């Protein structure tokens, strides 16, 4: 039934329903996370993503929150640095360890940017490689050429690689 054809009582019910639906969206989303510098990095990304969407985030003191970011060591589904995002009545991100919690938090932040909180998709991800680390193809000496370059650029950069001021 179109709004303008509804009787006064029906219009009032529709207005009150819309009012409370809109009023509830302004309440902050509560997020619980373990105190850990690594997890804090992911929380900062989640806060940035929610701010982009106009969603307020508030830290919760217990796991009875809208979003939970935590570690779950020993989970049979998760390998080292793996994570799982589950959605039921709340969003739960479990990492197999602190690194997994970071990756899960970053995935959640990306999904918030793409789909907002209503479109979060469940996922379980484990790394393809056991340890994810940064690898620098830097020449340290003549025994570590850079992809067997036929040029002498790598050899000429060896002294600079050992200059501590370069890395500071």
C-alpha atoms as a PDB file:
ATOM      1  CA  UNK A   1       0.000   0.000   0.000  1.00  0.00           C
ATOM      2  CA  UNK A   2       1.523   3.378  -0.983  1.00  0.00           C
ATOM      3  CA  UNK A   3       2.336   5.686   1.924  1.00  0.00           C
ATOM      4  CA  UNK A   4       0.001   8.493   0.814  1.00  0.00           C
ATOM      5  CA  UNK A   5      -3.009   6.081   0.605  1.00  0.00           C
ATOM      6  CA  UNK A   6      -2.459   4.656   4.080  1.00  0.00           C
ATOM      7  CA  UNK A   7      -4.651   5.829   6.922  1.00  0.00           C
ATOM      8  CA  UNK A   8      -3.218   7.951   9.715  1.00  0.00           C
ATOM      9  CA  UNK A   9      -2.455   5.016  12.019  1.00  0.00           C
ATOM     10  CA  UNK A  10      -0.663   3.090   9.271  1.00  0.00           C
ATOM     11  CA  UNK A  11       1.382   6.190   8.385  1.00  0.00           C
ATOM     12  CA  UNK A  12       2.320   6.627  12.038  1.00  0.00           C
ATOM     13  CA  UNK A  13       3.463   2.971  12.300  1.00  0.00           C
ATOM     14  CA  UNK A  14       5.554   3.329   9.130  1.00  0.00           C
ATOM     15  CA  UNK A  15       7.090   6.601  10.357  1.00  0.00           C
ATOM     16  CA  UNK A  16       7.938   5.210  13.802  1.00  0.00           C
ATOM     17  CA  UNK A  17       9.459   2.057  12.240  1.00  0.00           C
ATOM     18  CA  UNK A  18      11.629   4.122   9.901  1.00  0.00           C
ATOM     19  CA  UNK A  19      12.594   6.481  12.715  1.00  0.00           C
ATOM     20  CA  UNK A  20      13.833   3.672  14.947  1.00  0.00           C
ATOM     21  CA  UNK A  21      15.545   1.883  12.058  1.00  0.00           C
ATOM     22  CA  UNK A  22      17.488   5.063  11.244  1.00  0.00           C
ATOM     23  CA  UNK A  23      18.161   5.870  14.896  1.00  0.00           C
ATOM     24  CA  UNK A  24      19.704   2.434  15.508  1.00  0.00           C
ATOM     25  CA  UNK A  25      22.244   2.906  12.689  1.00  0.00           C
ATOM     26  CA  UNK A  26      23.869   5.768  14.601  1.00  0.00           C
ATOM     27  CA  UNK A  27      24.793   3.561  17.549  1.00  0.00           C
ATOM     28  CA  UNK A  28      28.491   2.682  17.620  1.00  0.00           C
ATOM     29  CA  UNK A  29      29.559  -0.803  16.647  1.00  0.00           C
ATOM     30  CA  UNK A  30      31.315  -2.494  19.557  1.00  0.00           C
ATOM     31  CA  UNK A  31      34.543  -4.327  18.825  1.00  0.00           C
ATOM     32  CA  UNK A  32      36.494  -6.624  21.128  1.00  0.00           C
ATOM     33  CA  UNK A  33      40.125  -7.441  20.458  1.00  0.00           C
ATOM     34  CA  UNK A  34      43.078  -8.839  22.336  1.00  0.00           C
ATOM     35  CA  UNK A  35      45.648  -6.289  23.478  1.00  0.00           C
ATOM     36  CA  UNK A  36      48.499  -6.942  21.106  1.00  0.00           C
ATOM     37  CA  UNK A  37      50.532  -4.479  18.986  1.00  0.00           C
ATOM     38  CA  UNK A  38      50.118  -6.676  15.916  1.00  0.00           C
ATOM     39  CA  UNK A  39      46.357  -6.932  16.320  1.00  0.00           C
ATOM     40  CA  UNK A  40      46.204  -3.183  16.980  1.00  0.00           C
ATOM     41  CA  UNK A  41      47.532  -2.634  13.443  1.00  0.00           C
ATOM     42  CA  UNK A  42      44.539  -4.535  12.039  1.00  0.00           C
ATOM     43  CA  UNK A  43      42.149  -2.653  14.359  1.00  0.00           C
ATOM     44  CA  UNK A  44      43.464   0.661  13.006  1.00  0.00           C
ATOM     45  CA  UNK A  45      42.681  -0.528   9.458  1.00  0.00           C
ATOM     46  CA  UNK A  46      39.191  -1.651  10.511  1.00  0.00           C
ATOM     47  CA  UNK A  47      38.575   1.758  12.124  1.00  0.00           C
ATOM     48  CA  UNK A  48      39.696   3.525   8.938  1.00  0.00           C
ATOM     49  CA  UNK A  49      37.368   1.357   6.847  1.00  0.00           C
ATOM     50  CA  UNK A  50      34.381   1.933   9.132  1.00  0.00           C
ATOM     51  CA  UNK A  51      35.080   5.677   9.236  1.00  0.00           C
ATOM     52  CA  UNK A  52      34.908   5.700   5.416  1.00  0.00           C
ATOM     53  CA  UNK A  53      31.432   4.170   5.683  1.00  0.00           C
ATOM     54  CA  UNK A  54      30.334   6.552   8.450  1.00  0.00           C
ATOM     55  CA  UNK A  55      30.217   3.783  11.060  1.00  0.00           C
ATOM     56  CA  UNK A  56      31.369   4.558  14.594  1.00  0.00           C
ATOM     57  CA  UNK A  57      33.502   1.971  16.381  1.00  0.00           C
ATOM     58  CA  UNK A  58      33.717   1.604  20.149  1.00  0.00           C
ATOM     59  CA  UNK A  59      36.042  -0.741  22.060  1.00  0.00           C
ATOM     60  CA  UNK A  60      34.250  -3.437  24.052  1.00  0.00           C
ATOM     61  CA  UNK A  61      35.695  -4.975  27.196  1.00  0.00           C
ATOM     62  CA  UNK A  62      34.176  -8.429  26.673  1.00  0.00           C
ATOM     63  CA  UNK A  63      33.679 -10.801  23.754  1.00  0.00           C
ATOM     64  CA  UNK A  64      29.973  -9.953  23.890  1.00  0.00           C
ATOM     65  CA  UNK A  65      30.489  -7.399  21.090  1.00  0.00           C
ATOM     66  CA  UNK A  66      29.382  -6.842  17.494  1.00  0.00           C
ATOM     67  CA  UNK A  67      32.876  -7.674  16.158  1.00  0.00           C
ATOM     68  CA  UNK A  68      35.411  -9.970  17.852  1.00  0.00           C
ATOM     69  CA  UNK A  69      39.036 -10.154  16.696  1.00  0.00           C
ATOM     70  CA  UNK A  70      41.017 -12.789  18.552  1.00  0.00           C
ATOM     71  CA  UNK A  71      43.433 -15.676  18.244  1.00  0.00           C
ATOM     72  CA  UNK A  72      42.376 -19.304  18.405  1.00  0.00           C
ATOM     73  CA  UNK A  73      45.533 -21.431  18.665  1.00  0.00           C
ATOM     74  CA  UNK A  74      45.164 -25.104  17.912  1.00  0.00           C
ATOM     75  CA  UNK A  75      42.171 -24.744  15.610  1.00  0.00           C
ATOM     76  CA  UNK A  76      42.123 -27.758  13.257  1.00  0.00           C
ATOM     77  CA  UNK A  77      41.032 -25.609  10.293  1.00  0.00           C
ATOM     78  CA  UNK A  78      43.776 -23.026  10.669  1.00  0.00           C
ATOM     79  CA  UNK A  79      47.470 -23.288   9.922  1.00  0.00           C
ATOM     80  CA  UNK A  80      50.104 -20.861  11.175  1.00  0.00           C
ATOM     81  CA  UNK A  81      49.170 -17.336   9.978  1.00  0.00           C
ATOM     82  CA  UNK A  82      45.718 -18.548   8.857  1.00  0.00           C
ATOM     83  CA  UNK A  83      42.423 -16.921   9.800  1.00  0.00           C
ATOM     84  CA  UNK A  84      38.690 -17.429   9.699  1.00  0.00           C
ATOM     85  CA  UNK A  85      35.851 -14.895   9.457  1.00  0.00           C
ATOM     86  CA  UNK A  86      32.449 -16.093  10.666  1.00  0.00           C
ATOM     87  CA  UNK A  87      29.166 -14.209  10.703  1.00  0.00           C
ATOM     88  CA  UNK A  88      26.242 -15.196  12.881  1.00  0.00           C
ATOM     89  CA  UNK A  89      24.660 -12.596  15.099  1.00  0.00           C
ATOM     90  CA  UNK A  90      28.106 -10.931  15.174  1.00  0.00           C
ATOM     91  CA  UNK A  91      31.313 -10.894  13.135  1.00  0.00           C
ATOM     92  CA  UNK A  92      34.040 -13.129  14.541  1.00  0.00           C
ATOM     93  CA  UNK A  93      37.600 -13.076  13.207  1.00  0.00           C
ATOM     94  CA  UNK A  94      39.900 -15.779  14.574  1.00  0.00           C
ATOM     95  CA  UNK A  95      43.569 -16.037  13.722  1.00  0.00           C
ATOM     96  CA  UNK A  96      45.618 -19.157  14.358  1.00  0.00           C
ATOM     97  CA  UNK A  97      48.154 -16.773  15.894  1.00  0.00           C
ATOM     98  CA  UNK A  98      48.754 -13.006  16.082  1.00  0.00           C
ATOM     99  CA  UNK A  99      49.886 -12.888  12.437  1.00  0.00           C
ATOM    100  CA  UNK A 100      46.736 -14.733  11.390  1.00  0.00           C
ATOM    101  CA  UNK A 101      44.642 -12.256  13.373  1.00  0.00           C
ATOM    102  CA  UNK A 102      46.332  -9.415  11.470  1.00  0.00           C
ATOM    103  CA  UNK A 103      45.561 -11.001   8.107  1.00  0.00           C
ATOM    104  CA  UNK A 104      41.981 -11.684   9.203  1.00  0.00           C
ATOM    105  CA  UNK A 105      41.571  -8.113  10.436  1.00  0.00           C
ATOM    106  CA  UNK A 106      42.957  -6.742   7.170  1.00  0.00           C
ATOM    107  CA  UNK A 107      40.570  -8.968   5.203  1.00  0.00           C
ATOM    108  CA  UNK A 108      37.686  -7.705   7.333  1.00  0.00           C
ATOM    109  CA  UNK A 109      38.744  -4.085   6.735  1.00  0.00           C
ATOM    110  CA  UNK A 110      38.840  -4.711   2.988  1.00  0.00           C
ATOM    111  CA  UNK A 111      35.395  -6.319   3.030  1.00  0.00           C
ATOM    112  CA  UNK A 112      34.003  -3.383   5.029  1.00  0.00           C
ATOM    113  CA  UNK A 113      35.363  -0.995   2.399  1.00  0.00           C
ATOM    114  CA  UNK A 114      33.778  -3.054  -0.381  1.00  0.00           C
ATOM    115  CA  UNK A 115      30.493  -4.236   1.135  1.00  0.00           C
ATOM    116  CA  UNK A 116      30.030  -2.389   4.471  1.00  0.00           C
ATOM    117  CA  UNK A 117      29.215  -4.424   7.598  1.00  0.00           C
ATOM    118  CA  UNK A 118      26.050  -5.918   6.122  1.00  0.00           C
ATOM    119  CA  UNK A 119      27.911  -7.663   3.300  1.00  0.00           C
ATOM    120  CA  UNK A 120      30.731  -9.381   5.188  1.00  0.00           C
ATOM    121  CA  UNK A 121      31.372 -12.798   3.663  1.00  0.00           C
ATOM    122  CA  UNK A 122      32.528 -15.802   5.664  1.00  0.00           C
ATOM    123  CA  UNK A 123      35.932 -17.141   4.715  1.00  0.00           C
ATOM    124  CA  UNK A 124      38.726 -19.336   6.015  1.00  0.00           C
ATOM    125  CA  UNK A 125      42.162 -18.700   4.562  1.00  0.00           C
ATOM    126  CA  UNK A 126      45.497 -20.341   5.155  1.00  0.00           C
ATOM    127  CA  UNK A 127      48.749 -19.163   3.598  1.00  0.00           C
ATOM    128  CA  UNK A 128      50.069 -20.958   0.563  1.00  0.00           C
ATOM    129  CA  UNK A 129      53.570 -20.800   2.046  1.00  0.00           C
ATOM    130  CA  UNK A 130      54.295 -21.647   5.672  1.00  0.00           C
ATOM    131  CA  UNK A 131      56.023 -18.365   6.489  1.00  0.00           C
ATOM    132  CA  UNK A 132      55.166 -15.104   4.792  1.00  0.00           C
ATOM    133  CA  UNK A 133      58.127 -12.737   4.977  1.00  0.00           C
ATOM    134  CA  UNK A 134      59.525  -9.854   3.008  1.00  0.00           C
ATOM    135  CA  UNK A 135      62.300 -10.822   0.616  1.00  0.00           C
ATOM    136  CA  UNK A 136      64.694  -8.200  -0.622  1.00  0.00           C
ATOM    137  CA  UNK A 137      66.709  -9.019  -3.718  1.00  0.00           C
ATOM    138  CA  UNK A 138      69.716  -7.069  -2.572  1.00  0.00           C
ATOM    139  CA  UNK A 139      73.315  -7.774  -3.383  1.00  0.00           C
ATOM    140  CA  UNK A 140      75.273  -8.495  -0.213  1.00  0.00           C
ATOM    141  CA  UNK A 141      78.364  -9.889  -1.880  1.00  0.00           C
ATOM    142  CA  UNK A 142      79.522 -11.503  -5.123  1.00  0.00           C
ATOM    143  CA  UNK A 143      77.954 -14.835  -4.123  1.00  0.00           C
ATOM    144  CA  UNK A 144      74.386 -13.429  -4.188  1.00  0.00           C
ATOM    145  CA  UNK A 145      73.833 -12.015  -7.656  1.00  0.00           C
ATOM    146  CA  UNK A 146      70.477 -10.475  -8.428  1.00  0.00           C
ATOM    147  CA  UNK A 147      68.780 -12.908 -10.819  1.00  0.00           C
ATOM    148  CA  UNK A 148      72.119 -13.560 -12.551  1.00  0.00           C
ATOM    149  CA  UNK A 149      72.166 -10.084 -14.069  1.00  0.00           C
ATOM    150  CA  UNK A 150      74.719  -9.745 -16.846  1.00  0.00           C
ATOM    151  CA  UNK A 151      75.273  -6.120 -15.756  1.00  0.00           C
ATOM    152  CA  UNK A 152      77.455  -4.802 -12.964  1.00  0.00           C
ATOM    153  CA  UNK A 153      74.796  -2.700 -11.143  1.00  0.00           C
ATOM    154  CA  UNK A 154      74.332  -5.255  -8.354  1.00  0.00           C
ATOM    155  CA  UNK A 155      78.097  -5.598  -7.828  1.00  0.00           C
ATOM    156  CA  UNK A 156      78.479  -1.799  -7.709  1.00  0.00           C
ATOM    157  CA  UNK A 157      75.752  -1.559  -5.035  1.00  0.00           C
ATOM    158  CA  UNK A 158      77.389  -4.006  -2.610  1.00  0.00           C
ATOM    159  CA  UNK A 159      79.185  -1.265  -0.619  1.00  0.00           C
ATOM    160  CA  UNK A 160      75.951   0.707  -0.292  1.00  0.00           C
ATOM    161  CA  UNK A 161      74.062  -2.337   1.049  1.00  0.00           C
ATOM    162  CA  UNK A 162      76.504  -2.501   3.975  1.00  0.00           C
ATOM    163  CA  UNK A 163      76.234   1.236   4.723  1.00  0.00           C
ATOM    164  CA  UNK A 164      74.148   1.456   7.909  1.00  0.00           C
ATOM    165  CA  UNK A 165      73.218   5.086   7.175  1.00  0.00           C
ATOM    166  CA  UNK A 166      71.481   3.896   4.007  1.00  0.00           C
ATOM    167  CA  UNK A 167      69.070   1.776   6.077  1.00  0.00           C
ATOM    168  CA  UNK A 168      68.477   4.302   8.867  1.00  0.00           C
END
